[in-house]
């Protein structure tokens, strides 16, 4: 009986790399080694594999964290810059009203990151590209233009909770 229980316990640990502690509103991904806390009233959306999405009850603002195994190309500054440039160009193709407001260097969980702020007629976003030894993290915070400044405070609080353990 003990072996069956131990087997079941080990099986559950291996098939559930993602957990969400409802009391704390913390999302933890053991496979990609990161966790993030969201405001208590935010709702978790998509939690598939290397992605988690959370949003306020009224759908905006929202935050998406996407993790991608890193390629050799992304380990160089030139590779990272070309990925960021591609992202900005892609966003502008999809939404011609998008304008680049800011591009800067920041730190997230003790890793260097690139911060991009884009705005359009109705929606603004702040995107962070974080490169670790093994993964590229994309953190996308989206808000309505009319509430962007207020929502940026919530985004900053969420960002301060991101812990990357790679």
N, C-alpha and C. Protein backbone atom coordinates (compact mmCIF):
# COMPACT_ATOMS: atom_id res chain seq x y z
N UNK A 1 0.82 -1.19 0.00
CA UNK A 1 0.00 0.00 0.00
C UNK A 1 0.87 1.26 0.00
N UNK A 2 1.94 1.23 0.79
CA UNK A 2 2.84 2.38 0.83
C UNK A 2 3.46 2.63 -0.53
N UNK A 3 3.79 1.57 -1.26
CA UNK A 3 4.39 1.72 -2.59
C UNK A 3 3.39 2.35 -3.55
N UNK A 4 2.15 1.97 -3.46
CA UNK A 4 1.12 2.54 -4.33
C UNK A 4 0.96 4.03 -4.03
N UNK A 5 0.91 4.38 -2.76
CA UNK A 5 0.79 5.78 -2.38
C UNK A 5 2.01 6.58 -2.85
N UNK A 6 3.21 6.04 -2.64
CA UNK A 6 4.43 6.71 -3.07
C UNK A 6 4.46 6.86 -4.59
N UNK A 7 4.08 5.82 -5.32
CA UNK A 7 4.01 5.90 -6.78
C UNK A 7 3.03 6.99 -7.21
N UNK A 8 1.86 7.03 -6.60
CA UNK A 8 0.85 8.04 -6.94
C UNK A 8 1.38 9.44 -6.65
N UNK A 9 2.03 9.62 -5.51
CA UNK A 9 2.58 10.92 -5.15
C UNK A 9 3.64 11.36 -6.16
N UNK A 10 4.54 10.47 -6.51
CA UNK A 10 5.59 10.81 -7.49
C UNK A 10 4.97 11.10 -8.86
N UNK A 11 3.97 10.33 -9.25
CA UNK A 11 3.29 10.55 -10.52
C UNK A 11 2.67 11.94 -10.56
N UNK A 12 2.01 12.34 -9.49
CA UNK A 12 1.37 13.66 -9.43
C UNK A 12 2.41 14.78 -9.49
N UNK A 13 3.55 14.58 -8.88
CA UNK A 13 4.60 15.59 -8.92
C UNK A 13 5.14 15.77 -10.33
N UNK A 14 5.26 14.69 -11.07
CA UNK A 14 5.83 14.79 -12.41
C UNK A 14 4.84 15.28 -13.45
N UNK A 15 3.57 15.06 -13.29
CA UNK A 15 2.63 15.51 -14.32
C UNK A 15 2.05 16.89 -14.03
N UNK A 16 2.35 17.46 -12.89
CA UNK A 16 1.82 18.79 -12.58
C UNK A 16 2.94 19.76 -12.25
N UNK A 17 3.66 20.24 -13.28
CA UNK A 17 4.75 21.16 -13.00
C UNK A 17 4.29 22.56 -12.65
N UNK A 18 3.02 22.88 -12.85
CA UNK A 18 2.50 24.22 -12.57
C UNK A 18 1.54 24.16 -11.40
N UNK A 19 1.67 25.10 -10.49
CA UNK A 19 0.74 25.15 -9.37
C UNK A 19 0.27 26.57 -9.16
N UNK A 20 -0.88 26.71 -8.56
CA UNK A 20 -1.42 28.02 -8.24
C UNK A 20 -1.99 27.96 -6.84
N UNK A 21 -1.45 28.74 -5.96
CA UNK A 21 -1.93 28.77 -4.59
C UNK A 21 -2.99 29.86 -4.49
N UNK A 22 -4.25 29.47 -4.45
CA UNK A 22 -5.36 30.43 -4.49
C UNK A 22 -5.33 31.42 -3.33
N UNK A 23 -4.93 30.94 -2.15
CA UNK A 23 -4.91 31.84 -1.00
C UNK A 23 -3.92 32.99 -1.18
N UNK A 24 -2.82 32.72 -1.85
CA UNK A 24 -1.80 33.73 -2.02
C UNK A 24 -1.84 34.39 -3.39
N UNK A 25 -2.58 33.82 -4.34
CA UNK A 25 -2.63 34.30 -5.72
C UNK A 25 -1.25 34.29 -6.35
N UNK A 26 -0.50 33.22 -6.08
CA UNK A 26 0.83 33.04 -6.62
C UNK A 26 0.81 31.90 -7.62
N UNK A 27 1.35 32.16 -8.80
CA UNK A 27 1.50 31.12 -9.82
C UNK A 27 2.94 30.65 -9.78
N UNK A 28 3.15 29.34 -9.75
CA UNK A 28 4.49 28.78 -9.74
C UNK A 28 4.62 27.75 -10.85
N UNK A 29 5.67 27.87 -11.64
CA UNK A 29 5.94 26.91 -12.70
C UNK A 29 7.27 26.24 -12.38
N UNK A 30 7.21 24.96 -11.99
CA UNK A 30 8.41 24.24 -11.58
C UNK A 30 9.26 23.83 -12.77
N UNK A 31 8.63 23.59 -13.90
CA UNK A 31 9.39 23.18 -15.09
C UNK A 31 10.30 24.30 -15.59
N UNK A 32 9.76 25.52 -15.65
CA UNK A 32 10.54 26.66 -16.15
C UNK A 32 11.12 27.51 -15.03
N UNK A 33 10.94 27.08 -13.82
CA UNK A 33 11.58 27.65 -12.63
C UNK A 33 11.31 29.14 -12.43
N UNK A 34 10.03 29.48 -12.33
CA UNK A 34 9.69 30.87 -12.00
C UNK A 34 8.39 30.90 -11.23
N UNK A 35 8.19 31.97 -10.49
CA UNK A 35 6.88 32.20 -9.89
C UNK A 35 6.59 33.70 -9.89
N UNK A 36 5.31 34.00 -9.82
CA UNK A 36 4.84 35.38 -9.88
C UNK A 36 3.57 35.49 -9.06
N UNK A 37 3.40 36.62 -8.38
CA UNK A 37 2.19 36.87 -7.60
C UNK A 37 1.34 37.93 -8.30
N UNK A 38 0.05 37.72 -8.29
CA UNK A 38 -0.90 38.65 -8.89
C UNK A 38 -1.79 39.25 -7.80
N UNK A 39 -2.38 40.43 -8.06
CA UNK A 39 -3.31 41.00 -7.07
C UNK A 39 -4.42 40.00 -6.73
N UNK A 40 -4.92 40.07 -5.50
CA UNK A 40 -5.91 39.11 -5.02
C UNK A 40 -7.14 38.99 -5.89
N UNK A 41 -7.59 40.09 -6.49
CA UNK A 41 -8.82 40.03 -7.27
C UNK A 41 -8.61 39.65 -8.73
N UNK A 42 -7.36 39.43 -9.15
CA UNK A 42 -7.08 39.04 -10.53
C UNK A 42 -7.43 37.58 -10.76
N UNK A 43 -7.78 37.26 -11.99
CA UNK A 43 -8.17 35.91 -12.38
C UNK A 43 -7.11 35.31 -13.28
N UNK A 44 -6.82 34.03 -13.06
CA UNK A 44 -5.88 33.34 -13.94
C UNK A 44 -6.62 32.84 -15.16
N UNK A 45 -6.02 33.05 -16.30
CA UNK A 45 -6.57 32.54 -17.55
C UNK A 45 -5.77 31.33 -17.99
N UNK A 46 -5.17 31.44 -19.16
CA UNK A 46 -4.40 30.36 -19.75
C UNK A 46 -3.20 30.00 -18.86
N UNK A 47 -3.03 28.71 -18.60
CA UNK A 47 -1.90 28.22 -17.82
C UNK A 47 -1.29 27.01 -18.49
N UNK A 48 -1.07 27.09 -19.79
CA UNK A 48 -0.57 25.94 -20.53
C UNK A 48 0.94 25.98 -20.65
N UNK A 49 1.59 24.95 -20.14
CA UNK A 49 3.03 24.79 -20.32
C UNK A 49 3.83 26.00 -19.87
N UNK A 50 4.39 26.68 -20.86
CA UNK A 50 5.31 27.78 -20.58
C UNK A 50 4.63 29.13 -20.57
N UNK A 51 3.34 29.16 -20.35
CA UNK A 51 2.64 30.43 -20.39
C UNK A 51 1.61 30.52 -19.26
N UNK A 52 1.49 31.72 -18.71
CA UNK A 52 0.43 32.00 -17.75
C UNK A 52 -0.12 33.38 -18.09
N UNK A 53 -1.43 33.52 -18.01
CA UNK A 53 -2.09 34.81 -18.26
C UNK A 53 -2.98 35.10 -17.08
N UNK A 54 -2.96 36.34 -16.63
CA UNK A 54 -3.82 36.78 -15.54
C UNK A 54 -4.36 38.16 -15.88
N UNK A 55 -5.57 38.43 -15.39
CA UNK A 55 -6.16 39.73 -15.68
C UNK A 55 -7.08 40.17 -14.55
N UNK A 56 -7.31 41.48 -14.53
CA UNK A 56 -8.26 42.05 -13.57
C UNK A 56 -9.66 41.54 -13.91
N UNK A 57 -10.60 41.62 -12.97
CA UNK A 57 -11.95 41.10 -13.23
C UNK A 57 -12.61 41.67 -14.49
N UNK A 58 -12.27 42.90 -14.86
CA UNK A 58 -12.89 43.51 -16.04
C UNK A 58 -12.08 43.28 -17.32
N UNK A 59 -11.15 42.32 -17.33
CA UNK A 59 -10.31 41.91 -18.46
C UNK A 59 -9.09 42.78 -18.69
N UNK A 60 -9.14 44.05 -18.35
CA UNK A 60 -7.96 44.91 -18.44
C UNK A 60 -7.74 45.52 -17.08
N UNK A 61 -6.54 45.65 -16.63
CA UNK A 61 -5.30 45.27 -17.28
C UNK A 61 -5.07 43.77 -17.23
N UNK A 62 -4.06 43.32 -18.00
CA UNK A 62 -3.71 41.91 -18.01
C UNK A 62 -2.20 41.76 -18.10
N UNK A 63 -1.72 40.60 -17.67
CA UNK A 63 -0.30 40.28 -17.75
C UNK A 63 -0.17 38.86 -18.28
N UNK A 64 0.74 38.68 -19.23
CA UNK A 64 1.05 37.35 -19.77
C UNK A 64 2.54 37.12 -19.57
N UNK A 65 2.89 35.95 -19.07
CA UNK A 65 4.29 35.54 -18.97
C UNK A 65 4.47 34.35 -19.90
N UNK A 66 5.41 34.47 -20.84
CA UNK A 66 5.70 33.40 -21.79
C UNK A 66 7.17 33.03 -21.63
N UNK A 67 7.46 31.74 -21.61
CA UNK A 67 8.84 31.27 -21.46
C UNK A 67 9.19 30.42 -22.67
N UNK A 68 10.39 30.65 -23.20
CA UNK A 68 10.85 29.92 -24.38
C UNK A 68 12.26 29.41 -24.11
N UNK A 69 12.53 28.12 -24.37
CA UNK A 69 13.92 27.67 -24.23
C UNK A 69 14.81 28.55 -25.10
N UNK A 70 15.93 28.94 -24.56
CA UNK A 70 16.78 29.92 -25.25
C UNK A 70 17.61 29.26 -26.35
N UNK A 71 17.73 29.96 -27.46
CA UNK A 71 18.59 29.48 -28.54
C UNK A 71 19.93 30.20 -28.42
N UNK A 72 20.93 29.65 -29.05
CA UNK A 72 22.26 30.26 -29.00
C UNK A 72 22.21 31.70 -29.50
N UNK A 73 21.35 31.96 -30.48
CA UNK A 73 21.19 33.30 -31.06
C UNK A 73 20.82 34.33 -29.98
N UNK A 74 19.98 33.92 -29.03
CA UNK A 74 19.49 34.85 -28.02
C UNK A 74 20.49 35.09 -26.89
N UNK A 75 21.61 34.38 -26.89
CA UNK A 75 22.58 34.58 -25.82
C UNK A 75 23.49 35.78 -26.10
N UNK A 76 23.42 36.33 -27.30
CA UNK A 76 24.23 37.50 -27.63
C UNK A 76 23.38 38.76 -27.56
N UNK A 77 24.02 39.88 -27.29
CA UNK A 77 23.29 41.15 -27.26
C UNK A 77 22.67 41.43 -28.63
N UNK A 78 23.40 41.16 -29.71
CA UNK A 78 22.86 41.38 -31.05
C UNK A 78 21.63 40.51 -31.30
N UNK A 79 21.69 39.27 -30.85
CA UNK A 79 20.55 38.37 -31.01
C UNK A 79 19.34 38.86 -30.24
N UNK A 80 19.56 39.36 -29.03
CA UNK A 80 18.47 39.88 -28.21
C UNK A 80 17.89 41.14 -28.85
N UNK A 81 18.75 42.02 -29.30
CA UNK A 81 18.28 43.25 -29.94
C UNK A 81 17.49 42.96 -31.21
N UNK A 82 17.92 41.98 -31.99
CA UNK A 82 17.19 41.65 -33.22
C UNK A 82 15.82 41.06 -32.89
N UNK A 83 15.74 40.28 -31.80
CA UNK A 83 14.44 39.73 -31.39
C UNK A 83 13.49 40.85 -30.95
N UNK A 84 14.01 41.82 -30.21
CA UNK A 84 13.20 42.95 -29.76
C UNK A 84 12.74 43.77 -30.96
N UNK A 85 13.64 44.03 -31.90
CA UNK A 85 13.28 44.79 -33.12
C UNK A 85 12.21 44.06 -33.91
N UNK A 86 12.34 42.74 -34.02
CA UNK A 86 11.34 41.94 -34.73
C UNK A 86 9.98 42.05 -34.04
N UNK A 87 9.98 42.00 -32.72
CA UNK A 87 8.74 42.12 -31.95
C UNK A 87 8.05 43.46 -32.22
N UNK A 88 8.82 44.54 -32.18
CA UNK A 88 8.25 45.87 -32.41
C UNK A 88 7.69 45.97 -33.83
N UNK A 89 8.44 45.49 -34.81
CA UNK A 89 7.99 45.51 -36.21
C UNK A 89 6.72 44.69 -36.38
N UNK A 90 6.67 43.51 -35.77
CA UNK A 90 5.48 42.65 -35.85
C UNK A 90 4.27 43.33 -35.25
N UNK A 91 4.45 43.97 -34.11
CA UNK A 91 3.33 44.66 -33.46
C UNK A 91 2.81 45.79 -34.35
N UNK A 92 3.71 46.53 -34.99
CA UNK A 92 3.30 47.64 -35.85
C UNK A 92 2.59 47.14 -37.10
N UNK A 93 2.99 45.99 -37.62
CA UNK A 93 2.30 45.41 -38.79
C UNK A 93 0.87 45.03 -38.44
N UNK A 94 0.70 44.45 -37.28
CA UNK A 94 -0.63 44.02 -36.85
C UNK A 94 -1.52 45.17 -36.44
N UNK A 95 -0.92 46.22 -35.94
CA UNK A 95 -1.67 47.40 -35.47
C UNK A 95 -0.93 48.66 -35.92
N UNK A 96 -1.28 49.22 -37.06
CA UNK A 96 -0.56 50.38 -37.59
C UNK A 96 -0.58 51.60 -36.67
N UNK A 97 -1.51 51.65 -35.71
CA UNK A 97 -1.58 52.79 -34.79
C UNK A 97 -0.55 52.70 -33.66
N UNK A 98 0.17 51.58 -33.56
CA UNK A 98 1.14 51.37 -32.49
C UNK A 98 2.35 52.29 -32.67
N UNK A 99 2.77 52.91 -31.55
CA UNK A 99 3.93 53.79 -31.53
C UNK A 99 4.85 53.34 -30.39
N UNK A 100 6.16 53.30 -30.67
CA UNK A 100 7.15 52.99 -29.64
C UNK A 100 7.34 54.22 -28.77
N UNK A 101 7.07 54.08 -27.47
CA UNK A 101 7.19 55.19 -26.52
C UNK A 101 8.53 55.13 -25.79
N UNK A 102 8.97 53.91 -25.45
CA UNK A 102 10.19 53.77 -24.66
C UNK A 102 10.83 52.43 -24.91
N UNK A 103 12.15 52.43 -24.91
CA UNK A 103 12.95 51.20 -24.92
C UNK A 103 14.10 51.44 -23.96
N UNK A 104 14.19 50.60 -22.91
CA UNK A 104 15.21 50.83 -21.90
C UNK A 104 15.68 49.50 -21.31
N UNK A 105 16.76 49.56 -20.57
CA UNK A 105 17.31 48.40 -19.87
C UNK A 105 16.88 48.46 -18.41
N UNK A 106 16.44 47.32 -17.88
CA UNK A 106 16.02 47.21 -16.49
C UNK A 106 16.50 45.87 -15.94
N UNK A 107 16.24 45.63 -14.67
CA UNK A 107 16.55 44.34 -14.03
C UNK A 107 15.25 43.71 -13.55
N UNK A 108 15.12 42.42 -13.79
CA UNK A 108 13.99 41.66 -13.26
C UNK A 108 14.57 40.39 -12.65
N UNK A 109 14.29 40.19 -11.38
CA UNK A 109 14.78 39.01 -10.66
C UNK A 109 16.29 38.85 -10.85
N UNK A 110 17.01 39.96 -10.77
CA UNK A 110 18.47 40.01 -10.89
C UNK A 110 19.00 39.66 -12.28
N UNK A 111 18.15 39.66 -13.29
CA UNK A 111 18.58 39.45 -14.67
C UNK A 111 18.39 40.74 -15.45
N UNK A 112 19.30 40.98 -16.40
CA UNK A 112 19.13 42.12 -17.29
C UNK A 112 17.90 41.89 -18.15
N UNK A 113 17.16 42.94 -18.40
CA UNK A 113 15.94 42.85 -19.21
C UNK A 113 15.84 44.07 -20.11
N UNK A 114 15.09 43.92 -21.17
CA UNK A 114 14.80 45.03 -22.08
C UNK A 114 13.33 45.36 -21.90
N UNK A 115 13.05 46.63 -21.67
CA UNK A 115 11.67 47.11 -21.45
C UNK A 115 11.22 47.90 -22.68
N UNK A 116 10.07 47.52 -23.22
CA UNK A 116 9.50 48.18 -24.39
C UNK A 116 8.11 48.69 -24.02
N UNK A 117 7.83 49.96 -24.26
CA UNK A 117 6.50 50.51 -24.04
C UNK A 117 5.94 50.92 -25.40
N UNK A 118 4.81 50.32 -25.75
CA UNK A 118 4.11 50.62 -27.00
C UNK A 118 2.73 51.16 -26.66
N UNK A 119 2.24 52.09 -27.48
CA UNK A 119 0.88 52.57 -27.27
C UNK A 119 0.18 52.71 -28.61
N UNK A 120 -1.12 52.53 -28.56
CA UNK A 120 -1.96 52.68 -29.75
C UNK A 120 -3.14 53.57 -29.41
N UNK A 121 -4.14 53.53 -30.26
CA UNK A 121 -5.31 54.38 -30.04
C UNK A 121 -6.10 53.99 -28.79
N UNK A 122 -6.17 52.69 -28.52
CA UNK A 122 -6.99 52.23 -27.39
C UNK A 122 -6.23 51.43 -26.33
N UNK A 123 -5.14 50.78 -26.73
CA UNK A 123 -4.42 49.89 -25.83
C UNK A 123 -2.94 50.25 -25.79
N UNK A 124 -2.37 50.16 -24.59
CA UNK A 124 -0.92 50.34 -24.40
C UNK A 124 -0.37 49.06 -23.78
N UNK A 125 0.92 48.82 -24.03
CA UNK A 125 1.54 47.64 -23.43
C UNK A 125 2.97 47.93 -23.04
N UNK A 126 3.38 47.26 -21.98
CA UNK A 126 4.77 47.27 -21.56
C UNK A 126 5.24 45.82 -21.64
N UNK A 127 6.28 45.60 -22.43
CA UNK A 127 6.80 44.25 -22.62
C UNK A 127 8.23 44.19 -22.11
N UNK A 128 8.53 43.13 -21.40
CA UNK A 128 9.86 42.91 -20.87
C UNK A 128 10.42 41.63 -21.48
N UNK A 129 11.64 41.71 -21.98
CA UNK A 129 12.36 40.54 -22.47
C UNK A 129 13.47 40.26 -21.47
N UNK A 130 13.43 39.07 -20.86
CA UNK A 130 14.42 38.68 -19.86
C UNK A 130 15.12 37.42 -20.37
N UNK A 131 16.44 37.46 -20.39
CA UNK A 131 17.21 36.32 -20.88
C UNK A 131 18.05 35.73 -19.75
N UNK A 132 17.82 34.45 -19.48
CA UNK A 132 18.60 33.74 -18.47
C UNK A 132 19.54 32.78 -19.22
N UNK A 133 20.19 31.91 -18.49
CA UNK A 133 21.08 30.94 -19.14
C UNK A 133 20.33 29.97 -20.03
N UNK A 134 19.10 29.63 -19.66
CA UNK A 134 18.37 28.58 -20.37
C UNK A 134 17.07 29.04 -21.04
N UNK A 135 16.53 30.19 -20.64
CA UNK A 135 15.22 30.58 -21.13
C UNK A 135 15.17 32.05 -21.50
N UNK A 136 14.25 32.35 -22.41
CA UNK A 136 13.89 33.73 -22.72
C UNK A 136 12.48 33.94 -22.18
N UNK A 137 12.31 34.93 -21.33
CA UNK A 137 11.01 35.23 -20.76
C UNK A 137 10.46 36.47 -21.45
N UNK A 138 9.21 36.40 -21.86
CA UNK A 138 8.50 37.57 -22.35
C UNK A 138 7.39 37.88 -21.37
N UNK A 139 7.38 39.07 -20.83
CA UNK A 139 6.35 39.48 -19.86
C UNK A 139 5.63 40.66 -20.49
N UNK A 140 4.35 40.47 -20.78
CA UNK A 140 3.58 41.47 -21.51
C UNK A 140 2.45 41.98 -20.63
N UNK A 141 2.50 43.26 -20.30
CA UNK A 141 1.47 43.89 -19.47
C UNK A 141 0.66 44.82 -20.37
N UNK A 142 -0.64 44.58 -20.47
CA UNK A 142 -1.49 45.33 -21.38
C UNK A 142 -2.57 46.07 -20.61
N UNK A 143 -2.87 47.28 -21.08
CA UNK A 143 -3.84 48.12 -20.40
C UNK A 143 -4.54 49.01 -21.42
N UNK A 144 -5.69 49.52 -21.04
CA UNK A 144 -6.34 50.54 -21.85
C UNK A 144 -5.52 51.82 -21.75
N UNK A 145 -5.47 52.59 -22.83
CA UNK A 145 -4.71 53.85 -22.83
C UNK A 145 -5.19 54.76 -21.71
N UNK A 146 -6.48 54.79 -21.48
CA UNK A 146 -7.06 55.71 -20.49
C UNK A 146 -6.67 55.38 -19.05
N UNK A 147 -6.25 54.14 -18.78
CA UNK A 147 -5.89 53.75 -17.41
C UNK A 147 -4.44 53.30 -17.29
N UNK A 148 -3.65 53.53 -18.33
CA UNK A 148 -2.29 53.00 -18.38
C UNK A 148 -1.43 53.46 -17.20
N UNK A 149 -1.43 54.75 -16.89
CA UNK A 149 -0.60 55.25 -15.80
C UNK A 149 -0.96 54.60 -14.47
N UNK A 150 -2.26 54.48 -14.20
CA UNK A 150 -2.71 53.84 -12.96
C UNK A 150 -2.35 52.36 -12.95
N UNK A 151 -2.56 51.69 -14.08
CA UNK A 151 -2.29 50.26 -14.17
C UNK A 151 -0.80 49.95 -14.08
N UNK A 152 0.05 50.89 -14.49
CA UNK A 152 1.48 50.67 -14.44
C UNK A 152 1.95 50.39 -13.01
N UNK A 153 1.29 50.98 -12.04
CA UNK A 153 1.62 50.71 -10.63
C UNK A 153 1.38 49.24 -10.28
N UNK A 154 0.25 48.69 -10.75
CA UNK A 154 -0.04 47.27 -10.51
C UNK A 154 0.98 46.40 -11.24
N UNK A 155 1.34 46.78 -12.47
CA UNK A 155 2.33 46.02 -13.22
C UNK A 155 3.66 45.99 -12.47
N UNK A 156 4.08 47.16 -11.97
CA UNK A 156 5.35 47.23 -11.25
C UNK A 156 5.35 46.34 -10.02
N UNK A 157 4.21 46.29 -9.33
CA UNK A 157 4.11 45.43 -8.16
C UNK A 157 4.21 43.96 -8.56
N UNK A 158 3.53 43.58 -9.64
CA UNK A 158 3.60 42.20 -10.14
C UNK A 158 5.04 41.87 -10.53
N UNK A 159 5.68 42.78 -11.25
CA UNK A 159 7.07 42.55 -11.67
C UNK A 159 8.00 42.34 -10.48
N UNK A 160 7.75 43.07 -9.41
CA UNK A 160 8.60 42.94 -8.23
C UNK A 160 8.47 41.57 -7.57
N UNK A 161 7.40 40.83 -7.89
CA UNK A 161 7.21 39.50 -7.30
C UNK A 161 7.77 38.37 -8.16
N UNK A 162 8.13 38.67 -9.40
CA UNK A 162 8.63 37.62 -10.29
C UNK A 162 9.98 37.15 -9.79
N UNK A 163 10.07 35.86 -9.59
CA UNK A 163 11.31 35.23 -9.18
C UNK A 163 11.66 34.17 -10.22
N UNK A 164 12.82 34.35 -10.85
CA UNK A 164 13.30 33.40 -11.84
C UNK A 164 14.44 32.63 -11.18
N UNK A 165 14.31 31.33 -11.10
CA UNK A 165 15.25 30.50 -10.35
C UNK A 165 16.17 29.70 -11.26
N UNK A 166 16.35 30.16 -12.49
CA UNK A 166 17.16 29.45 -13.49
C UNK A 166 18.63 29.59 -13.20
